[in-house]
Protein backbone atom coordinates (compact mmCIF):
# COMPACT_ATOMS: atom_id res chain seq x y z
CA UNK A 1 97.93 104.27 86.17
CA UNK A 2 94.63 103.25 84.69
CA UNK A 3 92.31 100.46 85.62
CA UNK A 4 90.20 99.70 88.61
CA UNK A 5 90.93 99.05 92.26
CA UNK A 6 89.70 96.39 94.67
CA UNK A 7 90.18 96.26 98.42
CA UNK A 8 91.69 93.04 99.72
CA UNK A 9 90.70 91.79 103.17
CA UNK A 10 94.22 92.56 104.34
CA UNK A 11 93.96 96.04 102.82
CA UNK A 12 90.71 96.74 104.65
CA UNK A 13 92.15 95.52 107.94
CA UNK A 14 95.38 97.46 107.47
CA UNK A 15 93.58 100.72 106.68
CA UNK A 16 91.30 100.31 109.70
CA UNK A 17 94.30 99.56 111.90
CA UNK A 18 95.79 102.91 110.85
CA UNK A 19 92.51 104.78 111.38
CA UNK A 20 91.96 105.28 107.65
CA UNK A 21 88.50 104.94 106.13
CA UNK A 22 87.78 103.36 102.77
CA UNK A 23 86.44 106.74 101.60
CA UNK A 24 89.83 108.33 102.34
CA UNK A 25 91.62 105.66 100.31
CA UNK A 26 89.27 106.24 97.36
CA UNK A 27 89.85 110.00 97.64
CA UNK A 28 93.61 109.46 97.29
CA UNK A 29 93.22 107.03 94.39
CA UNK A 30 90.87 109.44 92.57
CA UNK A 31 92.89 112.59 93.34
CA UNK A 32 94.27 114.15 90.14
CA UNK A 33 97.31 115.30 92.16
CA UNK A 34 98.29 111.79 93.22
CA UNK A 35 101.80 110.51 92.57
CA UNK A 36 102.92 106.98 91.75
CA UNK A 37 106.09 105.14 92.65
CA UNK A 38 106.83 101.64 91.36
CA UNK A 39 107.78 99.09 94.02
CA UNK A 40 109.10 95.94 92.40
CA UNK A 41 107.56 94.50 89.27
CA UNK A 42 103.94 94.17 90.42
CA UNK A 43 103.37 96.81 93.09
CA UNK A 44 102.93 100.55 93.20
CA UNK A 45 102.73 103.16 95.94
CA UNK A 46 100.12 105.86 95.39
CA UNK A 47 100.70 109.10 97.32
CA UNK A 48 97.96 111.67 97.67
CA UNK A 49 95.79 113.82 99.85
CA UNK A 50 92.19 113.44 100.97
CA UNK A 51 89.53 116.14 100.71
CA UNK A 52 90.33 117.11 104.31
CA UNK A 53 94.06 117.45 103.56
CA UNK A 54 95.18 114.20 105.17
CA UNK A 55 98.17 112.79 103.27
CA UNK A 56 98.12 109.04 102.66
CA UNK A 57 100.33 106.40 101.14
CA UNK A 58 98.43 103.50 99.54
CA UNK A 59 100.12 100.27 98.45
CA UNK A 60 98.52 98.52 95.49
CA UNK A 61 99.50 95.32 93.68
CA UNK A 62 98.51 94.09 90.24
CA UNK A 63 95.76 91.50 90.48
CA UNK A 64 96.89 88.01 89.54
CA UNK A 65 94.07 87.05 87.18
CA UNK A 66 92.62 90.36 86.01
CA UNK A 67 94.39 92.69 83.60
CA UNK A 68 94.53 96.36 84.60
CA UNK A 69 93.08 95.71 88.06
CA UNK A 70 94.95 96.77 91.20
CA UNK A 71 94.43 95.27 94.67
CA UNK A 72 94.61 97.71 97.58
CA UNK A 73 96.94 95.98 100.01
CA UNK A 74 97.76 98.61 102.66
CA UNK A 75 97.38 102.27 103.58
CA UNK A 76 98.96 104.58 106.11
CA UNK A 77 99.35 108.26 106.83
CA UNK A 78 102.48 109.94 105.45
CA UNK A 79 105.07 111.28 107.88
CA UNK A 80 106.12 114.93 107.84
CA UNK A 81 109.18 114.23 105.68
CA UNK A 82 107.10 112.24 103.18
CA UNK A 83 104.54 115.06 102.98
CA UNK A 84 107.32 117.56 102.28
CA UNK A 85 108.75 115.32 99.53
CA UNK A 86 105.28 114.81 98.05
CA UNK A 87 104.64 118.55 97.96
CA UNK A 88 108.05 119.25 96.42
CA UNK A 89 107.43 116.61 93.75
CA UNK A 90 104.14 118.33 92.93
CA UNK A 91 105.95 121.64 92.47
CA UNK A 92 105.19 122.99 95.93
CA UNK A 93 101.42 122.70 95.47
CA UNK A 94 99.38 121.49 98.42
CA UNK A 95 96.79 118.66 98.28
């Protein structure tokens, strides 16, 4: 997934509600080991780990008026089962 990312107000509030900093979200989005999963026609889930090893799930949606721009809508920490699936999908590699 190429392009740029923008935080929405809802995305900022949601991340803060889950105790996630904007830096952590950027770390996941910039992580070369991140994984993508399409959700509907205009949304994507980005799975990845932060520099400290925290595993996050970030929901992004294609921006309405800007091509190749993704709005950060929500973020939360992955559960144990999601972390295991993420690591398996990456071939057993951590981070």
